[in-house]
């Protein structure tokens, strides 16, 4: 089986690595990945909406000064909205300060 490949505008081939998962326990909800994604793959949701993620797992002390302008009651976290729209560019992983993303190479169907 061969790997899926893409081609840049300049004609260079690359192997896309598609986003498979976000470690929401590590996510600080900064929105950087949301801003750089060209395909609207992500959505910012309230941390309370994530099943199995306790509110007290988010420790503000890990991220510096507690006076960050955000209420701990409405802490946000990134989620996968349209994972199948991912083009495998990897911009989200490169911009993430907490290394929350898991990517995977895929083989061509055939």
N, C-alpha and C. Protein backbone atom coordinates (compact mmCIF):
# COMPACT_ATOMS: atom_id res chain seq x y z
N UNK A 1 0.84 -1.19 0.00
CA UNK A 1 0.00 0.00 0.00
C UNK A 1 0.88 1.25 0.00
N UNK A 2 0.50 2.23 -0.76
CA UNK A 2 1.27 3.46 -0.82
C UNK A 2 0.64 4.53 0.07
N UNK A 3 1.48 5.46 0.51
CA UNK A 3 1.01 6.54 1.37
C UNK A 3 0.30 7.59 0.51
N UNK A 4 -0.65 8.27 1.12
CA UNK A 4 -1.29 9.40 0.46
C UNK A 4 -0.26 10.51 0.35
N UNK A 5 -0.15 11.13 -0.81
CA UNK A 5 0.78 12.24 -0.98
C UNK A 5 0.03 13.46 -1.49
N UNK A 6 0.57 14.61 -1.17
CA UNK A 6 0.04 15.87 -1.66
C UNK A 6 1.11 16.56 -2.48
N UNK A 7 0.72 17.61 -3.15
CA UNK A 7 1.66 18.38 -3.95
C UNK A 7 1.47 19.86 -3.63
N UNK A 8 2.57 20.54 -3.33
CA UNK A 8 2.50 21.97 -3.07
C UNK A 8 2.30 22.72 -4.38
N UNK A 9 1.98 23.98 -4.28
CA UNK A 9 1.82 24.81 -5.48
C UNK A 9 3.11 24.85 -6.29
N UNK A 10 4.23 24.71 -5.60
CA UNK A 10 5.52 24.71 -6.27
C UNK A 10 5.90 23.37 -6.86
N UNK A 11 5.04 22.37 -6.72
CA UNK A 11 5.28 21.07 -7.32
C UNK A 11 6.00 20.06 -6.42
N UNK A 12 6.30 20.45 -5.19
CA UNK A 12 6.96 19.53 -4.26
C UNK A 12 5.94 18.58 -3.63
N UNK A 13 6.29 17.30 -3.59
CA UNK A 13 5.41 16.33 -2.95
C UNK A 13 5.64 16.33 -1.45
N UNK A 14 4.59 16.06 -0.70
CA UNK A 14 4.70 15.91 0.75
C UNK A 14 3.71 14.83 1.20
N UNK A 15 3.98 14.23 2.34
CA UNK A 15 3.09 13.23 2.91
C UNK A 15 2.30 13.88 4.04
N UNK A 16 0.99 14.04 3.86
CA UNK A 16 0.18 14.68 4.90
C UNK A 16 0.03 13.79 6.14
N UNK A 17 0.02 14.44 7.29
CA UNK A 17 -0.23 13.76 8.56
C UNK A 17 -1.54 14.34 9.12
N UNK A 18 -2.57 13.54 9.10
CA UNK A 18 -3.91 14.00 9.46
C UNK A 18 -4.12 14.00 10.97
N UNK A 19 -4.80 15.03 11.46
CA UNK A 19 -5.07 15.13 12.90
C UNK A 19 -6.06 14.02 13.29
N UNK A 20 -5.73 13.30 14.35
CA UNK A 20 -6.56 12.19 14.80
C UNK A 20 -7.17 12.45 16.18
N UNK A 21 -6.44 13.23 17.01
CA UNK A 21 -6.90 13.43 18.38
C UNK A 21 -6.30 14.69 18.96
N UNK A 22 -6.99 15.24 19.97
CA UNK A 22 -6.50 16.38 20.74
C UNK A 22 -6.48 15.95 22.19
N UNK A 23 -5.37 16.14 22.87
CA UNK A 23 -5.28 15.87 24.30
C UNK A 23 -5.92 17.05 25.02
N UNK A 24 -7.21 16.93 25.31
CA UNK A 24 -7.96 18.03 25.88
C UNK A 24 -7.58 18.32 27.33
N UNK A 25 -6.99 17.36 28.01
CA UNK A 25 -6.53 17.61 29.38
C UNK A 25 -5.36 18.59 29.39
N UNK A 26 -4.57 18.60 28.30
CA UNK A 26 -3.43 19.52 28.20
C UNK A 26 -3.78 20.83 27.52
N UNK A 27 -4.86 20.85 26.76
CA UNK A 27 -5.25 22.02 25.97
C UNK A 27 -5.58 23.19 26.89
N UNK A 28 -5.04 24.37 26.57
CA UNK A 28 -5.31 25.57 27.36
C UNK A 28 -6.34 26.47 26.67
N UNK A 29 -6.89 26.04 25.55
CA UNK A 29 -7.94 26.79 24.88
C UNK A 29 -7.49 28.12 24.30
N UNK A 30 -6.23 28.20 23.88
CA UNK A 30 -5.69 29.46 23.37
C UNK A 30 -6.25 29.83 22.00
N UNK A 31 -6.70 28.83 21.22
CA UNK A 31 -7.30 29.09 19.92
C UNK A 31 -6.32 29.26 18.78
N UNK A 32 -5.04 29.06 19.03
CA UNK A 32 -4.04 29.23 17.96
C UNK A 32 -4.28 28.26 16.82
N UNK A 33 -4.58 27.00 17.14
CA UNK A 33 -4.82 26.00 16.10
C UNK A 33 -6.06 26.36 15.28
N UNK A 34 -7.07 26.86 15.95
CA UNK A 34 -8.31 27.29 15.30
C UNK A 34 -8.02 28.37 14.26
N UNK A 35 -7.14 29.30 14.63
CA UNK A 35 -6.83 30.43 13.76
C UNK A 35 -6.00 30.03 12.54
N UNK A 36 -5.10 29.04 12.68
CA UNK A 36 -4.24 28.68 11.56
C UNK A 36 -4.83 27.61 10.65
N UNK A 37 -5.85 26.91 11.11
CA UNK A 37 -6.42 25.83 10.31
C UNK A 37 -7.16 26.38 9.09
N UNK A 38 -6.78 25.94 7.88
CA UNK A 38 -7.44 26.44 6.68
C UNK A 38 -8.78 25.75 6.37
N UNK A 39 -9.16 24.75 7.16
CA UNK A 39 -10.33 23.94 6.81
C UNK A 39 -11.41 23.88 7.89
N UNK A 40 -11.35 24.70 8.92
CA UNK A 40 -12.35 24.71 9.99
C UNK A 40 -12.53 23.32 10.62
N UNK A 41 -11.41 22.68 10.94
CA UNK A 41 -11.42 21.35 11.54
C UNK A 41 -11.76 21.40 13.03
N UNK A 42 -11.49 22.54 13.68
CA UNK A 42 -11.62 22.64 15.14
C UNK A 42 -12.77 23.52 15.58
N UNK A 43 -13.15 23.33 16.85
CA UNK A 43 -14.17 24.17 17.48
C UNK A 43 -13.78 24.35 18.94
N UNK A 44 -13.92 25.55 19.44
CA UNK A 44 -13.63 25.85 20.83
C UNK A 44 -14.91 25.63 21.64
N UNK A 45 -14.83 24.75 22.64
CA UNK A 45 -16.01 24.44 23.46
C UNK A 45 -15.68 24.65 24.93
N UNK A 46 -16.70 24.69 25.76
CA UNK A 46 -16.48 24.82 27.19
C UNK A 46 -15.91 23.52 27.73
N UNK A 47 -14.94 23.63 28.61
CA UNK A 47 -14.27 22.47 29.20
C UNK A 47 -15.27 21.55 29.87
N UNK A 48 -16.33 22.12 30.44
CA UNK A 48 -17.34 21.32 31.14
C UNK A 48 -18.08 20.36 30.20
N UNK A 49 -18.08 20.65 28.90
CA UNK A 49 -18.78 19.82 27.93
C UNK A 49 -18.02 18.55 27.57
N UNK A 50 -16.75 18.46 27.97
CA UNK A 50 -15.92 17.31 27.62
C UNK A 50 -16.14 16.20 28.64
N UNK A 51 -16.67 15.09 28.15
CA UNK A 51 -16.96 13.95 29.02
C UNK A 51 -15.66 13.38 29.58
N UNK A 52 -15.64 13.15 30.88
CA UNK A 52 -14.49 12.56 31.54
C UNK A 52 -13.40 13.54 31.90
N UNK A 53 -13.59 14.82 31.61
CA UNK A 53 -12.58 15.83 31.93
C UNK A 53 -13.10 16.68 33.08
N UNK A 54 -12.54 16.45 34.24
CA UNK A 54 -12.97 17.18 35.43
C UNK A 54 -12.47 18.61 35.36
N UNK A 55 -13.26 19.53 35.86
CA UNK A 55 -12.88 20.94 35.86
C UNK A 55 -11.59 21.18 36.63
N UNK A 56 -11.36 20.42 37.70
CA UNK A 56 -10.16 20.63 38.51
C UNK A 56 -8.90 20.04 37.87
N UNK A 57 -9.03 19.34 36.72
CA UNK A 57 -7.85 18.85 36.00
C UNK A 57 -7.13 20.01 35.33
N UNK A 58 -7.84 21.09 35.10
CA UNK A 58 -7.25 22.27 34.49
C UNK A 58 -6.63 23.10 35.60
N UNK A 59 -5.31 23.10 35.68
CA UNK A 59 -4.60 23.78 36.74
C UNK A 59 -3.97 25.05 36.19
N UNK A 60 -4.54 26.19 36.56
CA UNK A 60 -4.05 27.47 36.08
C UNK A 60 -2.61 27.73 36.46
N UNK A 61 -2.13 27.11 37.55
CA UNK A 61 -0.76 27.31 37.98
C UNK A 61 0.24 26.82 36.94
N UNK A 62 -0.19 25.87 36.10
CA UNK A 62 0.69 25.35 35.07
C UNK A 62 0.95 26.37 33.96
N UNK A 63 0.14 27.40 33.90
CA UNK A 63 0.20 28.32 32.77
C UNK A 63 0.54 29.74 33.18
N UNK A 64 1.17 29.90 34.34
CA UNK A 64 1.62 31.23 34.74
C UNK A 64 0.61 31.94 35.63
N UNK A 65 0.61 33.24 35.54
CA UNK A 65 -0.20 34.11 36.38
C UNK A 65 -1.67 33.75 36.27
N UNK A 66 -2.33 33.67 37.42
CA UNK A 66 -3.75 33.32 37.46
C UNK A 66 -4.63 34.43 36.90
N UNK A 67 -4.11 35.64 36.86
CA UNK A 67 -4.89 36.78 36.37
C UNK A 67 -4.72 36.88 34.86
N UNK A 68 -5.29 35.90 34.14
CA UNK A 68 -5.15 35.86 32.69
C UNK A 68 -6.32 36.50 31.96
N UNK A 69 -7.27 37.02 32.70
CA UNK A 69 -8.42 37.65 32.08
C UNK A 69 -9.54 36.70 31.76
N UNK A 70 -9.37 35.41 32.05
CA UNK A 70 -10.39 34.42 31.78
C UNK A 70 -10.92 33.86 33.09
N UNK A 71 -12.20 33.62 33.14
CA UNK A 71 -12.81 33.02 34.31
C UNK A 71 -12.59 31.52 34.27
N UNK A 72 -12.17 30.93 35.39
CA UNK A 72 -11.99 29.49 35.45
C UNK A 72 -13.31 28.75 35.26
N UNK A 73 -14.42 29.43 35.54
CA UNK A 73 -15.73 28.81 35.39
C UNK A 73 -16.09 28.56 33.93
N UNK A 74 -15.50 29.33 33.03
CA UNK A 74 -15.82 29.19 31.60
C UNK A 74 -14.59 28.83 30.79
N UNK A 75 -13.69 28.04 31.37
CA UNK A 75 -12.48 27.64 30.65
C UNK A 75 -12.87 26.90 29.37
N UNK A 76 -12.16 27.21 28.30
CA UNK A 76 -12.46 26.62 27.00
C UNK A 76 -11.39 25.60 26.64
N UNK A 77 -11.76 24.72 25.74
CA UNK A 77 -10.86 23.68 25.26
C UNK A 77 -11.19 23.42 23.78
N UNK A 78 -10.18 23.02 23.01
CA UNK A 78 -10.40 22.77 21.59
C UNK A 78 -10.95 21.36 21.40
N UNK A 79 -11.79 21.21 20.38
CA UNK A 79 -12.33 19.89 20.03
C UNK A 79 -12.26 19.73 18.51
N UNK A 80 -12.38 18.49 18.07
CA UNK A 80 -12.42 18.22 16.63
C UNK A 80 -13.86 18.39 16.16
N UNK A 81 -14.06 19.29 15.24
CA UNK A 81 -15.39 19.57 14.70
C UNK A 81 -15.60 18.81 13.38
N UNK A 82 -14.63 18.91 12.49
CA UNK A 82 -14.71 18.27 11.16
C UNK A 82 -13.38 17.60 10.85
N UNK A 83 -13.05 16.55 11.58
CA UNK A 83 -11.74 15.88 11.42
C UNK A 83 -11.53 15.37 9.99
N UNK A 84 -12.60 14.99 9.31
CA UNK A 84 -12.47 14.47 7.95
C UNK A 84 -12.12 15.55 6.94
N UNK A 85 -12.20 16.83 7.34
CA UNK A 85 -11.81 17.93 6.46
C UNK A 85 -10.32 18.27 6.57
N UNK A 86 -9.61 17.61 7.48
CA UNK A 86 -8.18 17.86 7.67
C UNK A 86 -7.42 17.53 6.39
N UNK A 87 -6.51 18.44 5.99
CA UNK A 87 -5.69 18.20 4.80
C UNK A 87 -4.28 17.74 5.16
N UNK A 88 -4.01 17.60 6.45
CA UNK A 88 -2.72 17.07 6.89
C UNK A 88 -1.56 18.02 6.80
N UNK A 89 -1.82 19.32 6.86
CA UNK A 89 -0.75 20.30 6.73
C UNK A 89 0.12 20.41 7.98
N UNK A 90 -0.43 20.06 9.15
CA UNK A 90 0.33 20.08 10.40
C UNK A 90 0.48 21.44 11.05
N UNK A 91 -0.20 22.45 10.53
CA UNK A 91 -0.10 23.79 11.11
C UNK A 91 -0.53 23.82 12.57
N UNK A 92 -1.55 23.05 12.90
CA UNK A 92 -2.06 23.02 14.27
C UNK A 92 -1.00 22.52 15.25
N UNK A 93 -0.31 21.47 14.87
CA UNK A 93 0.72 20.90 15.75
C UNK A 93 1.91 21.84 15.90
N UNK A 94 2.27 22.53 14.84
CA UNK A 94 3.42 23.43 14.91
C UNK A 94 3.13 24.65 15.78
N UNK A 95 1.87 25.10 15.85
CA UNK A 95 1.53 26.32 16.59
C UNK A 95 1.15 26.03 18.04
N UNK A 96 0.83 24.79 18.37
CA UNK A 96 0.33 24.43 19.71
C UNK A 96 1.44 24.51 20.76
N UNK A 97 1.26 25.38 21.79
CA UNK A 97 2.30 25.51 22.82
C UNK A 97 2.34 24.33 23.78
N UNK A 98 1.30 23.51 23.83
CA UNK A 98 1.22 22.38 24.77
C UNK A 98 1.34 21.02 24.09
N UNK A 99 1.59 20.99 22.78
CA UNK A 99 1.78 19.73 22.04
C UNK A 99 0.60 18.77 22.23
N UNK A 100 -0.60 19.26 21.99
CA UNK A 100 -1.83 18.51 22.25
C UNK A 100 -2.27 17.57 21.13
N UNK A 101 -1.65 17.65 19.97
CA UNK A 101 -2.17 16.96 18.80
C UNK A 101 -1.50 15.62 18.51
N UNK A 102 -2.31 14.67 18.06
CA UNK A 102 -1.83 13.39 17.55
C UNK A 102 -2.19 13.36 16.07
N UNK A 103 -1.20 13.09 15.24
CA UNK A 103 -1.40 13.01 13.79
C UNK A 103 -1.06 11.60 13.31
N UNK A 104 -1.58 11.26 12.15
CA UNK A 104 -1.34 9.93 11.61
C UNK A 104 -1.22 9.99 10.09
N UNK A 105 -0.26 9.24 9.55
CA UNK A 105 -0.14 9.08 8.12
C UNK A 105 -1.15 8.03 7.69
N UNK A 106 -1.69 8.17 6.50
CA UNK A 106 -2.67 7.19 6.02
C UNK A 106 -2.26 6.66 4.67
N UNK A 107 -2.66 5.44 4.42
CA UNK A 107 -2.38 4.83 3.13
C UNK A 107 -3.53 5.07 2.18
N UNK A 108 -3.22 5.08 0.91
CA UNK A 108 -4.22 5.28 -0.13
C UNK A 108 -5.09 4.04 -0.24
N UNK A 109 -6.38 4.25 -0.38
CA UNK A 109 -7.31 3.14 -0.57
C UNK A 109 -7.10 2.55 -1.96
N UNK A 110 -7.18 1.29 -2.01
CA UNK A 110 -6.99 0.80 -3.35
C UNK A 110 -7.14 -0.62 -3.45
